[in-house]
Amino acid sequence: MEAQKIKVGEFENELYAEIAKRDLEAAGINANIIKNDADVFIFFSDESDAVQLVIPGPQIEKAKQLLKKRFI
């Protein structure tokens, strides 16, 4: 059974999301980018151009720590 996907971050554009995805995957965390476009509707998103990064739920703490070091 596949783990539930959880949003780990929302980025202003796809470039930042790609950088975060690369860093997460280098740490062994499978990440997927979801773009808010005409074909995909993202619930609870305030920005129309936002790009979200989702990962398997069990890896959320490790991902948050990695992204906090990188982007804050």
PDB file of N, CA and C in Angstrom:
ATOM      1  N   MET A   1       0.825  -1.184   0.000  1.00  0.00           N
ATOM      2  CA  MET A   1       0.000   0.000   0.000  1.00  0.00           C
ATOM      3  C   MET A   1       0.870   1.248   0.000  1.00  0.00           C
ATOM      4  N   GLU A   2       0.598   2.160  -0.898  1.00  0.00           N
ATOM      5  CA  GLU A   2       1.387   3.382  -1.035  1.00  0.00           C
ATOM      6  C   GLU A   2       1.003   4.389   0.044  1.00  0.00           C
ATOM      7  N   ALA A   3       2.006   5.088   0.583  1.00  0.00           N
ATOM      8  CA  ALA A   3       1.766   6.085   1.627  1.00  0.00           C
ATOM      9  C   ALA A   3       1.037   7.295   1.048  1.00  0.00           C
ATOM     10  N   GLN A   4       0.236   7.914   1.876  1.00  0.00           N
ATOM     11  CA  GLN A   4      -0.497   9.113   1.476  1.00  0.00           C
ATOM     12  C   GLN A   4       0.489  10.234   1.170  1.00  0.00           C
ATOM     13  N   LYS A   5       0.216  11.000   0.116  1.00  0.00           N
ATOM     14  CA  LYS A   5       1.065  12.125  -0.261  1.00  0.00           C
ATOM     15  C   LYS A   5       0.641  13.357   0.536  1.00  0.00           C
ATOM     16  N   ILE A   6       1.636  14.089   1.035  1.00  0.00           N
ATOM     17  CA  ILE A   6       1.397  15.288   1.834  1.00  0.00           C
ATOM     18  C   ILE A   6       2.159  16.451   1.214  1.00  0.00           C
ATOM     19  N   LYS A   7       1.513  17.622   1.206  1.00  0.00           N
ATOM     20  CA  LYS A   7       2.172  18.822   0.679  1.00  0.00           C
ATOM     21  C   LYS A   7       3.239  19.260   1.676  1.00  0.00           C
ATOM     22  N   VAL A   8       4.475  19.364   1.190  1.00  0.00           N
ATOM     23  CA  VAL A   8       5.579  19.775   2.040  1.00  0.00           C
ATOM     24  C   VAL A   8       5.969  21.223   1.777  1.00  0.00           C
ATOM     25  N   GLY A   9       5.540  21.769   0.658  1.00  0.00           N
ATOM     26  CA  GLY A   9       5.868  23.155   0.362  1.00  0.00           C
ATOM     27  C   GLY A   9       5.099  23.691  -0.813  1.00  0.00           C
ATOM     28  N   GLU A  10       4.982  25.021  -0.834  1.00  0.00           N
ATOM     29  CA  GLU A  10       4.361  25.709  -1.954  1.00  0.00           C
ATOM     30  C   GLU A  10       5.338  26.786  -2.391  1.00  0.00           C
ATOM     31  N   PHE A  11       5.630  26.821  -3.667  1.00  0.00           N
ATOM     32  CA  PHE A  11       6.657  27.699  -4.195  1.00  0.00           C
ATOM     33  C   PHE A  11       6.056  28.670  -5.203  1.00  0.00           C
ATOM     34  N   GLU A  12       6.707  29.823  -5.359  1.00  0.00           N
ATOM     35  CA  GLU A  12       6.171  30.847  -6.252  1.00  0.00           C
ATOM     36  C   GLU A  12       6.323  30.492  -7.724  1.00  0.00           C
ATOM     37  N   ASN A  13       7.269  29.612  -8.041  1.00  0.00           N
ATOM     38  CA  ASN A  13       7.395  29.178  -9.431  1.00  0.00           C
ATOM     39  C   ASN A  13       8.020  27.784  -9.495  1.00  0.00           C
ATOM     40  N   GLU A  14       8.014  27.227 -10.674  1.00  0.00           N
ATOM     41  CA  GLU A  14       8.470  25.845 -10.855  1.00  0.00           C
ATOM     42  C   GLU A  14       9.969  25.685 -10.634  1.00  0.00           C
ATOM     43  N   LEU A  15      10.754  26.718 -10.888  1.00  0.00           N
ATOM     44  CA  LEU A  15      12.199  26.626 -10.695  1.00  0.00           C
ATOM     45  C   LEU A  15      12.542  26.323  -9.234  1.00  0.00           C
ATOM     46  N   TYR A  16      11.937  27.049  -8.289  1.00  0.00           N
ATOM     47  CA  TYR A  16      12.193  26.800  -6.876  1.00  0.00           C
ATOM     48  C   TYR A  16      11.721  25.404  -6.470  1.00  0.00           C
ATOM     49  N   ALA A  17      10.607  24.982  -7.011  1.00  0.00           N
ATOM     50  CA  ALA A  17      10.094  23.646  -6.708  1.00  0.00           C
ATOM     51  C   ALA A  17      11.047  22.572  -7.229  1.00  0.00           C
ATOM     52  N   GLU A  18      11.605  22.783  -8.399  1.00  0.00           N
ATOM     53  CA  GLU A  18      12.561  21.821  -8.970  1.00  0.00           C
ATOM     54  C   GLU A  18      13.822  21.719  -8.112  1.00  0.00           C
ATOM     55  N   ILE A  19      14.286  22.862  -7.598  1.00  0.00           N
ATOM     56  CA  ILE A  19      15.473  22.854  -6.726  1.00  0.00           C
ATOM     57  C   ILE A  19      15.179  22.066  -5.460  1.00  0.00           C
ATOM     58  N   ALA A  20      14.027  22.322  -4.855  1.00  0.00           N
ATOM     59  CA  ALA A  20      13.646  21.602  -3.636  1.00  0.00           C
ATOM     60  C   ALA A  20      13.480  20.111  -3.916  1.00  0.00           C
ATOM     61  N   LYS A  21      12.865  19.770  -5.044  1.00  0.00           N
ATOM     62  CA  LYS A  21      12.676  18.364  -5.414  1.00  0.00           C
ATOM     63  C   LYS A  21      14.019  17.661  -5.562  1.00  0.00           C
ATOM     64  N   ARG A  22      14.958  18.326  -6.208  1.00  0.00           N
ATOM     65  CA  ARG A  22      16.300  17.752  -6.399  1.00  0.00           C
ATOM     66  C   ARG A  22      16.962  17.479  -5.050  1.00  0.00           C
ATOM     67  N   ASP A  23      16.849  18.438  -4.127  1.00  0.00           N
ATOM     68  CA  ASP A  23      17.458  18.260  -2.809  1.00  0.00           C
ATOM     69  C   ASP A  23      16.804  17.122  -2.029  1.00  0.00           C
ATOM     70  N   LEU A  24      15.482  17.043  -2.096  1.00  0.00           N
ATOM     71  CA  LEU A  24      14.772  15.969  -1.402  1.00  0.00           C
ATOM     72  C   LEU A  24      15.137  14.605  -1.973  1.00  0.00           C
ATOM     73  N   GLU A  25      15.175  14.505  -3.289  1.00  0.00           N
ATOM     74  CA  GLU A  25      15.506  13.217  -3.916  1.00  0.00           C
ATOM     75  C   GLU A  25      16.950  12.811  -3.639  1.00  0.00           C
ATOM     76  N   ALA A  26      17.847  13.779  -3.499  1.00  0.00           N
ATOM     77  CA  ALA A  26      19.232  13.461  -3.144  1.00  0.00           C
ATOM     78  C   ALA A  26      19.311  12.883  -1.735  1.00  0.00           C
ATOM     79  N   ALA A  27      18.344  13.247  -0.895  1.00  0.00           N
ATOM     80  CA  ALA A  27      18.285  12.725   0.473  1.00  0.00           C
ATOM     81  C   ALA A  27      17.454  11.443   0.564  1.00  0.00           C
ATOM     82  N   GLY A  28      17.001  10.937  -0.580  1.00  0.00           N
ATOM     83  CA  GLY A  28      16.255   9.682  -0.598  1.00  0.00           C
ATOM     84  C   GLY A  28      14.758   9.830  -0.423  1.00  0.00           C
ATOM     85  N   ILE A  29      14.239  11.043  -0.607  1.00  0.00           N
ATOM     86  CA  ILE A  29      12.809  11.303  -0.454  1.00  0.00           C
ATOM     87  C   ILE A  29      12.185  11.489  -1.835  1.00  0.00           C
ATOM     88  N   ASN A  30      11.213  10.655  -2.169  1.00  0.00           N
ATOM     89  CA  ASN A  30      10.531  10.742  -3.451  1.00  0.00           C
ATOM     90  C   ASN A  30       9.580  11.938  -3.424  1.00  0.00           C
ATOM     91  N   ALA A  31       9.784  12.904  -4.320  1.00  0.00           N
ATOM     92  CA  ALA A  31       8.970  14.118  -4.345  1.00  0.00           C
ATOM     93  C   ALA A  31       8.325  14.295  -5.711  1.00  0.00           C
ATOM     94  N   ASN A  32       7.128  14.879  -5.716  1.00  0.00           N
ATOM     95  CA  ASN A  32       6.418  15.172  -6.954  1.00  0.00           C
ATOM     96  C   ASN A  32       5.990  16.628  -6.958  1.00  0.00           C
ATOM     97  N   ILE A  33       6.041  17.242  -8.133  1.00  0.00           N
ATOM     98  CA  ILE A  33       5.617  18.633  -8.303  1.00  0.00           C
ATOM     99  C   ILE A  33       4.217  18.645  -8.884  1.00  0.00           C
ATOM    100  N   ILE A  34       3.371  19.492  -8.301  1.00  0.00           N
ATOM    101  CA  ILE A  34       2.009  19.669  -8.806  1.00  0.00           C
ATOM    102  C   ILE A  34       1.847  21.136  -9.171  1.00  0.00           C
ATOM    103  N   LYS A  35       1.592  21.392 -10.444  1.00  0.00           N
ATOM    104  CA  LYS A  35       1.384  22.763 -10.903  1.00  0.00           C
ATOM    105  C   LYS A  35      -0.104  23.055 -10.938  1.00  0.00           C
ATOM    106  N   ASN A  36      -0.448  24.258 -10.576  1.00  0.00           N
ATOM    107  CA  ASN A  36      -1.834  24.694 -10.617  1.00  0.00           C
ATOM    108  C   ASN A  36      -2.107  25.223 -12.017  1.00  0.00           C
ATOM    109  N   ASP A  37      -2.635  24.353 -12.869  1.00  0.00           N
ATOM    110  CA  ASP A  37      -2.949  24.762 -14.234  1.00  0.00           C
ATOM    111  C   ASP A  37      -4.387  24.374 -14.558  1.00  0.00           C
ATOM    112  N   ALA A  38      -4.767  24.497 -15.786  1.00  0.00           N
ATOM    113  CA  ALA A  38      -6.153  24.249 -16.178  1.00  0.00           C
ATOM    114  C   ALA A  38      -6.556  22.785 -15.999  1.00  0.00           C
ATOM    115  N   ASP A  39      -5.600  21.863 -16.030  1.00  0.00           N
ATOM    116  CA  ASP A  39      -5.913  20.441 -15.947  1.00  0.00           C
ATOM    117  C   ASP A  39      -5.949  19.916 -14.511  1.00  0.00           C
ATOM    118  N   VAL A  40      -5.371  20.673 -13.571  1.00  0.00           N
ATOM    119  CA  VAL A  40      -5.283  20.213 -12.186  1.00  0.00           C
ATOM    120  C   VAL A  40      -5.831  21.305 -11.279  1.00  0.00           C
ATOM    121  N   PHE A  41      -6.757  20.930 -10.422  1.00  0.00           N
ATOM    122  CA  PHE A  41      -7.286  21.874  -9.447  1.00  0.00           C
ATOM    123  C   PHE A  41      -6.732  21.516  -8.087  1.00  0.00           C
ATOM    124  N   ILE A  42      -6.071  22.480  -7.441  1.00  0.00           N
ATOM    125  CA  ILE A  42      -5.473  22.244  -6.134  1.00  0.00           C
ATOM    126  C   ILE A  42      -6.341  22.914  -5.080  1.00  0.00           C
ATOM    127  N   PHE A  43      -6.856  22.121  -4.151  1.00  0.00           N
ATOM    128  CA  PHE A  43      -7.687  22.647  -3.080  1.00  0.00           C
ATOM    129  C   PHE A  43      -6.848  23.480  -2.109  1.00  0.00           C
ATOM    130  N   PHE A  44      -7.434  24.486  -1.543  1.00  0.00           N
ATOM    131  CA  PHE A  44      -6.839  25.310  -0.495  1.00  0.00           C
ATOM    132  C   PHE A  44      -5.620  26.092  -0.953  1.00  0.00           C
ATOM    133  N   SER A  45      -5.465  26.348  -2.223  1.00  0.00           N
ATOM    134  CA  SER A  45      -4.345  27.139  -2.704  1.00  0.00           C
ATOM    135  C   SER A  45      -4.812  28.574  -2.914  1.00  0.00           C
ATOM    136  N   ASP A  46      -4.077  29.525  -2.350  1.00  0.00           N
ATOM    137  CA  ASP A  46      -4.434  30.934  -2.469  1.00  0.00           C
ATOM    138  C   ASP A  46      -3.912  31.554  -3.762  1.00  0.00           C
ATOM    139  N   GLU A  47      -2.819  31.037  -4.284  1.00  0.00           N
ATOM    140  CA  GLU A  47      -2.196  31.632  -5.454  1.00  0.00           C
ATOM    141  C   GLU A  47      -2.465  30.780  -6.680  1.00  0.00           C
ATOM    142  N   SER A  48      -2.824  31.451  -7.787  1.00  0.00           N
ATOM    143  CA  SER A  48      -3.135  30.711  -9.008  1.00  0.00           C
ATOM    144  C   SER A  48      -1.885  30.169  -9.694  1.00  0.00           C
ATOM    145  N   ASP A  49      -0.716  30.804  -9.480  1.00  0.00           N
ATOM    146  CA  ASP A  49       0.515  30.360 -10.131  1.00  0.00           C
ATOM    147  C   ASP A  49       1.363  29.470  -9.220  1.00  0.00           C
ATOM    148  N   ALA A  50       0.858  29.122  -8.072  1.00  0.00           N
ATOM    149  CA  ALA A  50       1.634  28.365  -7.103  1.00  0.00           C
ATOM    150  C   ALA A  50       1.978  26.970  -7.616  1.00  0.00           C
ATOM    151  N   VAL A  51       3.132  26.502  -7.181  1.00  0.00           N
ATOM    152  CA  VAL A  51       3.595  25.157  -7.504  1.00  0.00           C
ATOM    153  C   VAL A  51       3.798  24.451  -6.175  1.00  0.00           C
ATOM    154  N   GLN A  52       3.213  23.270  -6.036  1.00  0.00           N
ATOM    155  CA  GLN A  52       3.302  22.531  -4.785  1.00  0.00           C
ATOM    156  C   GLN A  52       4.217  21.326  -4.929  1.00  0.00           C
ATOM    157  N   LEU A  53       4.836  20.978  -3.826  1.00  0.00           N
ATOM    158  CA  LEU A  53       5.707  19.814  -3.767  1.00  0.00           C
ATOM    159  C   LEU A  53       5.088  18.845  -2.770  1.00  0.00           C
ATOM    160  N   VAL A  54       4.840  17.611  -3.195  1.00  0.00           N
ATOM    161  CA  VAL A  54       4.244  16.603  -2.319  1.00  0.00           C
ATOM    162  C   VAL A  54       5.193  15.424  -2.171  1.00  0.00           C
ATOM    163  N   ILE A  55       5.138  14.821  -0.976  1.00  0.00           N
ATOM    164  CA  ILE A  55       5.994  13.677  -0.659  1.00  0.00           C
ATOM    165  C   ILE A  55       5.182  12.646   0.099  1.00  0.00           C
ATOM    166  N   PRO A  56       5.688  11.409   0.237  1.00  0.00           N
ATOM    167  CA  PRO A  56       5.008  10.412   1.069  1.00  0.00           C
ATOM    168  C   PRO A  56       4.971  10.877   2.525  1.00  0.00           C
ATOM    169  N   GLY A  57       3.835  10.707   3.177  1.00  0.00           N
ATOM    170  CA  GLY A  57       3.625  11.167   4.542  1.00  0.00           C
ATOM    171  C   GLY A  57       4.683  10.764   5.557  1.00  0.00           C
ATOM    172  N   PRO A  58       5.147   9.518   5.564  1.00  0.00           N
ATOM    173  CA  PRO A  58       6.119   9.107   6.582  1.00  0.00           C
ATOM    174  C   PRO A  58       7.455   9.869   6.517  1.00  0.00           C
ATOM    175  N   GLN A  59       7.727  10.554   5.429  1.00  0.00           N
ATOM    176  CA  GLN A  59       8.998  11.256   5.275  1.00  0.00           C
ATOM    177  C   GLN A  59       8.884  12.758   5.538  1.00  0.00           C
ATOM    178  N   ILE A  60       7.759  13.210   6.086  1.00  0.00           N
ATOM    179  CA  ILE A  60       7.497  14.642   6.221  1.00  0.00           C
ATOM    180  C   ILE A  60       8.497  15.348   7.148  1.00  0.00           C
ATOM    181  N   GLU A  61       8.827  14.767   8.270  1.00  0.00           N
ATOM    182  CA  GLU A  61       9.740  15.432   9.215  1.00  0.00           C
ATOM    183  C   GLU A  61      11.137  15.604   8.625  1.00  0.00           C
ATOM    184  N   LYS A  62      11.632  14.566   7.985  1.00  0.00           N
ATOM    185  CA  LYS A  62      12.950  14.638   7.356  1.00  0.00           C
ATOM    186  C   LYS A  62      12.948  15.698   6.254  1.00  0.00           C
ATOM    187  N   ALA A  63      11.876  15.758   5.481  1.00  0.00           N
ATOM    188  CA  ALA A  63      11.778  16.734   4.395  1.00  0.00           C
ATOM    189  C   ALA A  63      11.704  18.163   4.929  1.00  0.00           C
ATOM    190  N   LYS A  64      10.923  18.373   5.972  1.00  0.00           N
ATOM    191  CA  LYS A  64      10.814  19.719   6.553  1.00  0.00           C
ATOM    192  C   LYS A  64      12.166  20.207   7.046  1.00  0.00           C
ATOM    193  N   GLN A  65      12.913  19.340   7.705  1.00  0.00           N
ATOM    194  CA  GLN A  65      14.233  19.729   8.208  1.00  0.00           C
ATOM    195  C   GLN A  65      15.163  20.105   7.064  1.00  0.00           C
ATOM    196  N   LEU A  66      15.157  19.305   6.018  1.00  0.00           N
ATOM    197  CA  LEU A  66      16.019  19.571   4.873  1.00  0.00           C
ATOM    198  C   LEU A  66      15.643  20.881   4.191  1.00  0.00           C
ATOM    199  N   LEU A  67      14.353  21.112   3.965  1.00  0.00           N
ATOM    200  CA  LEU A  67      13.916  22.323   3.278  1.00  0.00           C
ATOM    201  C   LEU A  67      14.119  23.564   4.143  1.00  0.00           C
ATOM    202  N   LYS A  68      13.979  23.418   5.438  1.00  0.00           N
ATOM    203  CA  LYS A  68      14.191  24.559   6.330  1.00  0.00           C
ATOM    204  C   LYS A  68      15.633  25.040   6.243  1.00  0.00           C
ATOM    205  N   LYS A  69      16.577  24.112   6.214  1.00  0.00           N
ATOM    206  CA  LYS A  69      17.983  24.470   6.084  1.00  0.00           C
ATOM    207  C   LYS A  69      18.258  25.137   4.739  1.00  0.00           C
ATOM    208  N   ARG A  70      17.595  24.676   3.709  1.00  0.00           N
ATOM    209  CA  ARG A  70      17.867  25.140   2.347  1.00  0.00           C
ATOM    210  C   ARG A  70      17.198  26.478   2.016  1.00  0.00           C
ATOM    211  N   PHE A  71      15.968  26.659   2.444  1.00  0.00           N
ATOM    212  CA  PHE A  71      15.181  27.804   1.979  1.00  0.00           C
ATOM    213  C   PHE A  71      14.909  28.861   3.040  1.00  0.00           C
ATOM    214  N   ILE A  72      15.321  28.632   4.267  1.00  0.00           N
ATOM    215  CA  ILE A  72      15.070  29.659   5.288  1.00  0.00           C
ATOM    216  C   ILE A  72      16.377  30.180   5.837  1.00  0.00           C
TER     217      ILE A  72
END
